[in-house]
Protein backbone atom coordinates (compact mmCIF):
# COMPACT_ATOMS: atom_id res chain seq x y z
CA MET A 1 83.04 128.06 86.63
CA THR A 2 86.62 128.60 87.60
CA GLY A 3 85.18 130.67 90.32
CA TYR A 4 82.89 127.50 91.68
CA LEU A 5 85.96 125.49 91.25
CA TYR A 6 88.10 127.94 93.21
CA GLN A 7 85.40 127.93 96.26
CA CYS A 8 85.82 124.31 96.40
CA GLU A 9 89.44 124.35 96.70
CA LEU A 10 89.59 127.23 98.73
CA ALA A 11 87.59 125.50 100.98
CA LEU A 12 90.05 122.40 101.14
CA LEU A 13 92.99 124.99 101.70
CA GLU A 14 91.08 126.43 104.56
CA LEU A 15 90.43 123.39 106.26
CA ALA A 16 93.82 121.85 105.72
CA GLU A 17 95.45 124.75 107.34
CA ARG A 18 93.09 124.50 110.33
CA SER A 19 93.73 120.86 110.75
CA TRP A 20 97.03 121.29 112.12
CA GLN A 21 95.84 123.46 115.26
CA ASP A 22 92.00 123.06 115.03
CA PRO A 23 90.96 119.23 114.28
CA ALA A 24 87.50 120.10 115.43
CA ALA A 25 86.71 122.64 112.95
CA GLU A 26 83.92 121.70 110.58
CA LEU A 27 83.55 123.29 107.75
CA ARG A 28 80.25 123.74 105.53
CA MET A 29 79.38 125.30 101.89
CA GLU A 30 76.67 127.26 100.38
CA VAL A 31 74.49 127.56 103.68
CA LEU A 32 75.03 130.77 105.50
CA ASP A 33 77.77 131.68 103.03
CA ASP A 34 80.14 130.56 100.20
CA ILE A 35 82.25 128.75 103.21
CA GLU A 36 81.82 128.35 107.03
CA PHE A 37 83.46 127.33 109.75
CA LEU A 38 81.79 126.22 112.91
CA HIS A 39 82.52 123.80 116.11
CA ASP A 40 78.91 123.03 117.06
CA ALA A 41 76.35 122.61 114.33
CA GLY A 42 73.85 124.38 116.67
CA ALA A 43 75.98 127.22 117.59
CA THR A 44 76.66 130.37 115.71
CA PRO A 45 79.46 129.89 112.97
CA ALA A 46 82.76 131.02 114.00
CA GLU A 47 83.50 132.29 110.44
CA LEU A 48 81.70 133.15 107.59
CA LEU A 49 83.85 133.47 103.89
CA GLN A 50 83.07 134.64 100.75
CA SER A 51 85.34 133.26 97.74
CA LYS A 52 86.04 135.75 94.91
CA HIS A 53 88.23 134.91 92.02
CA ARG A 54 89.26 136.62 89.15
CA ILE A 55 91.28 135.24 86.66
CA GLU A 56 93.19 138.90 86.38
CA ALA A 57 93.98 139.76 89.70
CA GLY A 58 93.67 143.62 89.21
CA SER A 59 92.76 146.33 91.80
CA LEU A 60 89.68 145.64 94.46
CA SER A 61 88.01 149.22 94.68
CA GLU A 62 85.57 150.48 97.01
CA THR A 63 82.69 150.40 94.68
CA SER A 64 83.46 146.78 93.51
CA LYS A 65 80.49 144.38 93.22
CA ASP A 66 82.53 141.73 94.73
CA VAL A 67 82.94 143.80 97.90
CA TRP A 68 79.52 145.11 98.40
CA ARG A 69 77.63 141.75 97.44
CA SER A 70 79.71 140.28 100.14
CA ILE A 71 78.74 142.98 102.81
CA ALA A 72 74.97 142.54 101.63
CA SER A 73 75.37 138.43 101.79
CA TRP A 74 76.60 138.86 105.46
CA ILE A 75 73.78 141.17 106.45
CA ASP A 76 71.53 138.50 105.22
CA ALA A 77 73.46 135.67 107.11
CA LEU A 78 73.53 137.63 110.24
CA GLU A 79 69.58 138.29 110.31
CA LYS A 80 69.26 134.60 109.80
CA LEU A 81 71.39 134.07 112.75
CA GLY A 82 69.09 136.53 114.76
CA LYS A 83 71.36 139.18 115.23
CA PRO A 84 74.34 137.73 117.23
CA VAL A 85 75.73 139.95 120.21
CA THR A 86 79.21 141.17 119.84
CA GLU A 87 80.48 137.88 121.83
CA SER A 88 79.10 135.52 119.68
CA MET A 89 79.81 137.57 116.06
CA PRO A 90 81.50 135.23 113.51
CA LEU A 91 84.63 136.45 111.51
CA LEU A 92 83.54 137.76 108.30
CA ARG A 93 86.19 137.30 105.53
CA LEU A 94 86.49 138.14 102.12
CA VAL A 95 88.99 136.18 100.32
CA THR A 96 89.97 137.63 96.80
CA THR A 97 92.37 137.30 94.27
CA GLN A 98 92.40 141.03 93.52
CA VAL A 99 94.64 143.37 95.45
CA ALA A 100 93.22 146.16 97.62
CA ALA A 101 93.94 149.67 96.55
CA GLU A 102 96.12 151.64 99.33
CA GLY A 103 94.02 153.85 101.50
CA SER A 104 90.74 152.31 100.37
CA PHE A 105 88.27 150.65 103.07
CA PRO A 106 89.02 147.25 101.95
CA TYR A 107 92.79 148.02 102.25
CA LEU A 108 91.74 149.32 105.65
CA LEU A 109 89.95 145.96 106.59
CA ARG A 110 92.99 143.98 106.07
CA ASN A 111 94.66 141.90 108.84
CA THR A 112 97.84 144.22 108.93
CA PRO A 113 99.47 146.73 111.18
CA GLN A 114 97.19 149.50 108.99
CA ARG A 115 94.15 148.00 109.86
CA ASP A 116 91.54 150.88 111.06
CA THR A 117 88.06 150.03 111.37
CA GLY A 118 87.01 153.35 112.37
CA LEU A 119 88.34 154.92 109.53
CA ALA A 120 87.18 152.09 107.09
CA LEU A 121 83.40 152.58 108.51
CA ALA A 122 83.44 156.20 107.69
CA ARG A 123 84.77 155.61 104.33
CA MET A 124 82.09 152.81 103.78
CA GLU A 125 79.45 155.22 104.69
CA GLU A 126 80.63 157.53 102.39
CA VAL A 127 81.06 155.46 99.47
CA ALA A 128 77.41 153.77 100.33
CA ALA A 129 75.65 156.97 100.37
CA ASP A 130 77.29 158.45 97.06
CA ALA A 131 74.07 158.71 94.60
CA ASP A 132 76.50 158.64 91.66
CA GLY A 133 77.96 155.15 92.71
CA PRO A 134 77.55 152.18 90.43
CA SER A 135 73.98 151.01 89.98
CA GLY A 136 74.96 147.48 90.33
CA THR A 137 75.48 147.66 93.93
CA ALA A 138 72.86 150.41 94.59
CA GLY A 139 70.69 147.59 96.55
CA ASP A 140 73.71 146.29 98.49
CA ARG A 141 74.79 149.80 99.50
CA THR A 142 71.21 150.74 100.61
CA LYS A 143 71.11 147.52 102.66
CA PHE A 144 74.11 148.35 104.43
CA LEU A 145 72.92 152.09 105.06
CA GLY A 146 69.70 150.56 106.50
CA LEU A 147 71.53 149.28 109.52
CA THR A 148 71.82 150.93 112.87
CA PRO A 149 75.00 152.86 113.35
CA ALA A 150 75.85 150.28 116.03
CA ARG A 151 75.21 147.36 113.95
CA ARG A 152 77.29 149.09 111.14
CA LEU A 153 80.36 149.24 113.46
CA ARG A 154 79.89 145.58 114.51
CA LEU A 155 79.57 144.39 111.07
CA VAL A 156 82.83 146.51 110.36
CA GLU A 157 84.72 145.37 113.09
CA ALA A 158 84.07 141.96 112.22
CA MET A 159 85.18 142.20 108.65
CA VAL A 160 88.73 140.92 107.11
CA VAL A 161 89.64 141.31 103.82
CA CYS A 162 92.19 138.98 102.40
CA ASP A 163 93.40 140.24 99.16
CA GLY A 164 95.91 138.95 96.70
CA ALA A 165 95.06 135.42 97.19
CA PRO A 166 96.55 133.05 94.39
CA VAL A 167 94.60 132.38 91.46
CA MET A 168 93.20 129.17 90.77
CA SER A 169 96.45 127.82 88.33
CA ASP A 170 98.72 128.82 91.56
CA LEU A 171 96.56 127.10 94.26
CA ASP A 172 98.42 123.79 94.03
CA PRO A 173 101.39 124.65 95.74
CA LYS A 174 99.98 126.33 98.50
CA LEU A 175 97.77 123.30 98.95
CA ALA A 176 100.43 120.96 98.99
CA ARG A 177 102.03 123.00 101.82
CA ALA A 178 98.94 123.03 103.62
CA LEU A 179 98.12 119.40 103.34
CA GLY A 180 101.56 118.27 104.54
CA ILE A 181 102.87 117.01 101.07
CA ARG A 182 106.50 117.74 100.39
CA PRO A 183 107.97 119.10 97.16
CA THR A 184 110.72 116.32 97.33
CA ASN A 185 108.25 113.28 97.39
CA GLU A 186 108.49 111.66 94.01
CA HIS A 187 104.66 111.02 94.58
CA ALA A 188 103.85 114.63 95.54
CA ASP A 189 101.62 115.15 92.56
CA ALA A 190 99.54 111.82 92.70
CA ILE A 191 99.09 112.50 96.59
CA LEU A 192 97.45 115.60 95.75
CA ASP A 193 95.36 114.49 93.00
CA GLN A 194 93.99 111.55 95.23
CA ILE A 195 93.10 114.21 97.93
CA LYS A 196 91.41 116.44 95.28
CA GLY A 197 89.64 113.72 93.87
CA TRP A 198 88.28 112.64 97.38
CA TRP A 199 87.47 116.40 98.46
CA TYR A 200 85.47 117.12 95.12
CA ARG A 201 83.16 114.00 96.10
CA VAL A 202 82.84 115.56 99.66
CA ALA A 203 81.99 119.08 98.04
CA VAL A 204 79.23 117.47 95.92
CA GLN A 205 77.73 115.83 99.18
CA LEU A 206 78.09 119.31 100.77
CA LEU A 207 76.15 121.07 98.07
CA GLU A 208 73.70 118.20 97.64
CA ARG A 209 70.10 119.64 98.77
CA LYS A 210 67.55 117.11 97.50
CA ASP A 211 68.57 113.48 98.19
CA PRO A 212 69.12 112.98 101.75
CA ASN A 213 71.12 109.77 101.00
CA ARG A 214 73.89 111.77 99.01
CA MET A 215 74.38 114.73 101.28
CA ARG A 216 76.34 115.62 104.09
CA THR A 217 75.98 118.46 106.57
CA SER A 218 79.64 119.11 107.09
CA VAL A 219 83.34 117.95 107.11
CA SER A 220 85.77 118.27 110.05
CA ALA A 221 89.57 118.98 110.00
CA GLN A 222 90.21 115.95 111.74
CA GLU A 223 88.28 113.49 108.83
CA LEU A 224 90.68 115.45 106.55
CA ALA A 225 93.90 115.01 108.58
CA THR A 226 92.69 111.25 108.63
CA ARG A 227 92.30 110.89 104.86
CA ILE A 228 95.50 112.69 104.09
CA GLU A 229 97.67 110.02 106.34
CA GLU A 230 95.62 107.30 104.58
CA ILE A 231 96.39 108.33 101.08
CA LYS A 232 100.03 109.19 101.92
CA ASP A 233 100.39 105.54 103.77
CA HIS A 234 99.34 104.30 100.13
CA TYR A 235 102.62 105.57 98.66
CA THR A 236 104.81 104.59 101.56
CA GLY A 237 107.70 102.26 101.02
CA LEU A 238 106.56 99.17 99.25
CA ASN A 239 103.17 99.89 99.35
CA LEU A 240 101.36 100.24 95.97
CA PRO A 241 98.89 103.04 95.88
CA ILE A 242 95.40 102.30 95.65
CA THR A 243 93.37 104.71 93.63
CA GLU A 244 90.39 102.53 92.96
CA GLU A 245 87.62 102.81 95.11
CA LEU A 246 85.03 99.70 95.09
CA ARG A 247 81.57 100.29 93.99
CA ARG A 248 78.45 98.17 92.64
CA LEU A 249 78.95 97.88 89.22
CA THR A 250 76.38 98.88 86.81
CA GLU A 251 74.00 96.48 85.06
CA ALA A 252 75.50 97.58 81.81
CA GLU A 253 79.26 96.83 83.38
CA ILE A 254 78.13 93.45 84.19
CA ALA A 255 76.37 92.64 81.08
CA ALA A 256 79.42 93.27 79.18
CA TYR A 257 81.12 90.66 81.06
CA ALA A 258 78.28 88.19 80.21
CA ASP A 259 80.13 86.25 77.39
CA ARG A 260 83.60 86.15 79.19
CA LEU A 261 85.19 82.95 80.19
CA VAL A 262 85.30 84.34 84.03
CA VAL A 263 81.71 84.40 84.27
CA ALA A 264 81.24 80.84 82.53
CA GLN A 265 83.62 79.41 85.10
CA MET A 266 81.39 80.70 87.85
CA ARG A 267 78.32 79.25 86.14
CA TRP A 268 79.72 75.83 85.80
CA ILE A 269 79.58 75.65 89.69
CA GLY A 270 76.14 76.82 89.85
CA LEU A 271 76.56 80.46 91.21
CA LYS A 272 73.64 82.90 91.01
CA ASP A 273 73.71 86.22 89.52
CA ARG A 274 74.03 88.14 92.80
CA THR A 275 77.07 86.08 93.87
CA ILE A 276 78.66 86.58 90.36
CA SER A 277 78.29 90.47 90.58
CA THR A 278 79.66 90.42 93.71
CA HIS A 279 83.09 88.59 92.14
CA LEU A 280 82.82 90.43 89.05
CA ARG A 281 83.30 93.89 91.11
CA ASP A 282 86.53 92.66 92.21
CA TYR A 283 87.54 91.32 89.05
CA HIS A 284 86.70 94.64 87.38
CA HIS A 285 88.40 96.95 89.84
CA ALA A 286 91.48 94.66 90.07
CA ARG A 287 91.95 94.94 86.12
CA THR A 288 91.61 98.55 86.36
CA GLN A 289 93.86 99.16 89.44
CA ARG A 290 96.85 96.88 87.74
CA SER A 291 96.55 98.79 84.45
CA GLU A 292 96.97 102.35 86.60
CA TRP A 293 99.96 100.71 88.20
CA LEU A 294 101.41 99.96 84.83
CA ARG A 295 100.52 103.28 83.41
CA THR A 296 101.99 105.15 85.97
CA PHE A 297 105.19 102.94 86.55
CA LYS A 298 104.40 101.94 90.08
CA ILE A 299 105.23 98.26 89.32
CA THR A 300 106.58 96.30 86.10
CA GLU A 301 105.12 93.77 83.86
CA ALA A 302 107.46 91.24 85.63
CA GLU A 303 106.41 91.90 88.86
CA LEU A 304 103.03 91.60 88.05
CA ASP A 305 103.60 88.08 86.15
CA GLN A 306 105.31 86.79 89.39
CA TYR A 307 102.53 87.82 91.34
CA ASP A 308 100.25 85.98 89.25
CA ARG A 309 102.47 83.05 89.37
CA ARG A 310 102.32 83.31 93.46
CA LEU A 311 98.55 83.30 93.10
CA TRP A 312 98.70 80.27 90.80
CA ASN A 313 100.76 78.28 92.88
CA GLU A 314 98.30 78.75 96.07
CA TRP A 315 95.41 77.86 93.77
CA ASP A 316 97.03 74.92 92.53
CA HIS A 317 97.41 73.58 96.15
CA VAL A 318 93.81 74.26 97.04
CA PHE A 319 92.67 72.63 93.83
CA ALA A 320 94.35 69.47 94.25
CA ASP A 321 93.35 68.99 97.73
CA LEU A 322 89.82 69.70 97.27
CA THR A 323 89.21 67.80 94.01
CA ASP A 324 91.48 64.54 94.84
CA ALA A 325 88.60 62.53 95.74
CA VAL A 326 86.80 63.47 92.40
CA ASP A 327 86.19 60.30 90.22
CA ASP A 328 84.61 59.80 86.61
CA ASP A 329 81.16 59.00 88.43
CA THR A 330 81.05 61.94 90.79
CA SER A 331 77.70 63.56 90.14
CA ASP A 332 77.38 67.24 88.55
CA VAL A 333 75.62 68.18 91.71
CA GLU A 334 78.63 67.06 93.81
CA ALA A 335 81.15 68.55 91.34
CA GLN A 336 79.45 71.89 91.36
CA SER A 337 79.70 71.71 95.45
CA ILE A 338 83.27 71.07 95.49
CA GLY A 339 83.93 73.80 92.57
CA LYS A 340 82.35 76.22 95.20
CA ASP A 341 84.61 74.98 98.03
CA VAL A 342 87.45 75.77 95.60
CA LEU A 343 86.56 79.25 94.75
CA LYS A 344 85.56 80.07 98.28
CA GLU A 345 89.28 78.65 99.74
CA THR A 346 90.89 80.34 96.87
CA MET A 347 89.41 83.83 97.36
CA ARG A 348 90.19 83.25 101.09
CA VAL A 349 94.02 82.80 100.44
CA ALA A 350 94.03 85.22 97.60
CA ALA A 351 92.94 87.94 99.71
CA ASP A 352 95.95 87.92 101.92
CA MET A 353 98.45 87.85 99.35
CA PRO A 354 99.88 91.34 98.37
CA ALA A 355 100.97 91.94 94.78
CA ARG A 356 104.23 93.03 95.99
CA ARG A 357 106.20 91.04 98.98
CA GLY A 358 106.19 93.14 102.00
CA SER A 359 103.77 95.50 100.92
CA ALA A 360 99.77 96.22 102.08
CA THR A 361 97.44 95.48 99.27
CA GLU A 362 93.60 95.52 99.39
CA SER A 363 91.72 92.16 99.77
CA TRP A 364 90.22 92.70 96.20
CA ILE A 365 93.28 92.96 94.33
CA GLY A 366 94.18 89.19 94.89
CA ARG A 367 90.70 88.05 94.33
CA GLY A 368 90.13 89.97 91.05
CA THR A 369 93.30 88.78 90.11
CA MET A 370 92.71 85.36 90.52
CA HIS A 371 89.45 85.88 88.58
CA SER A 372 91.84 87.48 85.78
CA LEU A 373 93.49 83.98 85.84
CA ALA A 374 90.42 82.09 85.55
CA ASP A 375 89.23 84.54 82.64
CA ARG A 376 92.51 83.40 80.77
CA ALA A 377 92.33 79.81 81.68
CA ASP A 378 91.82 78.74 77.86
CA THR A 379 94.75 80.00 76.72
CA ASP A 380 97.28 79.83 79.63
CA ALA A 381 99.76 77.13 79.96
CA ASP A 382 98.84 77.08 83.63
CA PRO A 383 95.25 77.37 83.72
CA VAL A 384 92.97 78.37 86.76
CA GLY A 385 89.48 77.32 87.50
CA TRP A 386 86.66 76.13 90.23
CA HIS A 387 84.84 73.19 88.56
CA PRO A 388 86.87 69.93 89.44
CA ARG A 389 86.48 69.32 85.27
CA PHE A 390 87.04 72.81 84.35
CA ASP A 391 89.62 72.06 81.61
CA GLU A 392 87.37 69.83 79.92
CA LEU A 393 84.48 72.86 80.20
CA CYS A 394 87.02 75.47 78.93
CA ARG A 395 87.75 73.07 75.80
CA SER A 396 84.14 73.06 75.13
CA HIS A 397 83.54 76.58 75.89
CA ALA A 398 86.42 77.72 73.35
CA CYS A 399 84.81 75.35 70.51
CA ASP A 400 81.37 76.95 71.09
CA ASP A 401 83.02 80.23 70.73
CA GLU A 402 84.91 79.37 67.59
CA GLN A 403 81.70 77.87 65.83
CA GLU A 404 79.71 81.09 66.69
CA GLN A 405 82.36 83.36 65.12
């Protein structure tokens, strides 16, 4: 499991490092190799990368399964690519947490001054032909020996061994540097966590093979760079970080709110189920986001109380203005229509009100918070509602609840 997770996070690291100089780079996973990079979906990949993780680093030997399985995988991939010519041959990289033994052919294939592909090839042929070699790599070694001498040379010249890579538990600091997250940033951990959360969703889409609506072909370095800046901006200055992502609520989640006052308030003005579920989405996510801010000390209870007060003040102006002409003989149909106008105008005003003065806040925070105020209308000293006679309806609703209990 750690190896699979390592592959996903290594892909993020590799793409992040490319994003600084090569924003056009595209990344795919599990197509021709563990990870691959390309610039044009229809062209030969620029790089095929094998990811190998071992919790205990240890030594990478010449008979290692990781080495020979990587070689066999590259041979298969190159066959699928139609045996590309030297000019279009992709770079073949093995990234491993193990360390190549000095003098071994993996050692000679590192990107160092000691690199010697000719000597490495001779040693590889010797190891591959050894009848006493490990049985677990016999098929892979035979596949290598089955290549013509010219193709073996081309293969070896394209190979680069990147040994001594950090193990999974040591990857975060390197990831943070590649993503441009300074350790002095007080939100460094939160920013990294949010980027990784987005990345794992992307990884799932890259690995999807059955449902075309859930899959994606590749992800670009430019998209990653844009996402990084977007997430960092959430933590800039006065801005409150938005960690919630809007989604359609499940039927079970909607049903859980069925008896809440917030739903009753919307039914009193004649809203249909589809519209109610839309408003509940804002209500649900705003409550969750506010709780997250409090839990991670991004805002105080006092600040949120002030925000609620500012929202109530705006609602009060809207309600007073739109219900001023309501009389005792106003029909229920007309009262419902006025209530819908109150709700619509209140949502418009609330959407433009940030949770912290001078900050930028998603519009659904204000709308959802206003619904939270409506949900407390039977207990708050200054209640919020939509129907012109919502206060009477709230009292009746409270009595009904007491009788049911």
